[in-house]
Amino acid sequence: MVNLFKRMRKLKTMLEVRVGTGAAIFPTLASASKEFPAVTRLHLTYAKKIYGGHQGARHFWRRCLPRLKYHNPGVRMTVRQTEDQDGPAALTIYFAERVGSTANAIAGKTQVTDKHAPAPETSEKTAVVDVKNLTWEEIWSRVQASTGAEDVPVTPEDEAEQKKLQAIAEKAVTDRQRIEAMRQAKRDQERMLAEARGDVEKLKTL
């Protein structure tokens, strides 16, 4: 049974990396267009603690970046956590040769800068997205709109695995409730027996 649980946890982890928000493919040199040039790198900077508007960036790092890296293994992705809670939370997107108009529009709304982001190569141009005070879903929406990343469709196999894991999770909840009810019944019985023994001892002293 323990080995089964280990296998299910491993399956759940693998499935979460393949499927969900951020499971998308960036334009490559072969698939790039004028509006959406190839994405070469990503760099995310945010503060270590979540207050001050950095919570969304932290969750984006945990939830989206693993999926993006899984589906875009050739795109380098770096993260810098700082001690500056009042500093920027920023995502720098590196493009090959040029930046599309949508990415320029999104980055141009705030004109945030990130001193921790690596300098672009001579063949790269960057767009810096201000992600402070945004949820991780909002961050992903801006990244997808800026890059033209295409969602990876869920395969029938992954969909079947999702349903299986959901059924197991629901059964686990029912099992925990049943076991807790049994434990509570045992505790109630032991309490009643203890009270009965106490009553007997009281009668002996009369």
Foldseek 3Di string as FASTA:
>chain_A
DVVVVVVLVVVVVVLQLCDDQQLWEFADCVRADQQAAGWAEKEWEAAPDPPLQRVQVVVLVVRHPSNNCVRCVRHYYYYYHDNDSPAFTKMKIKGFQDFHPLLCVQLVVPVHDDPPDDDDDPRIDIRMHGRGNHHNNVVSVSVCRRRVIGHDDDDPVSVVSVVVSVVVVVVVVVVVVVVVVVVVVVVVVVVVVVVVVVVVVVVVVD
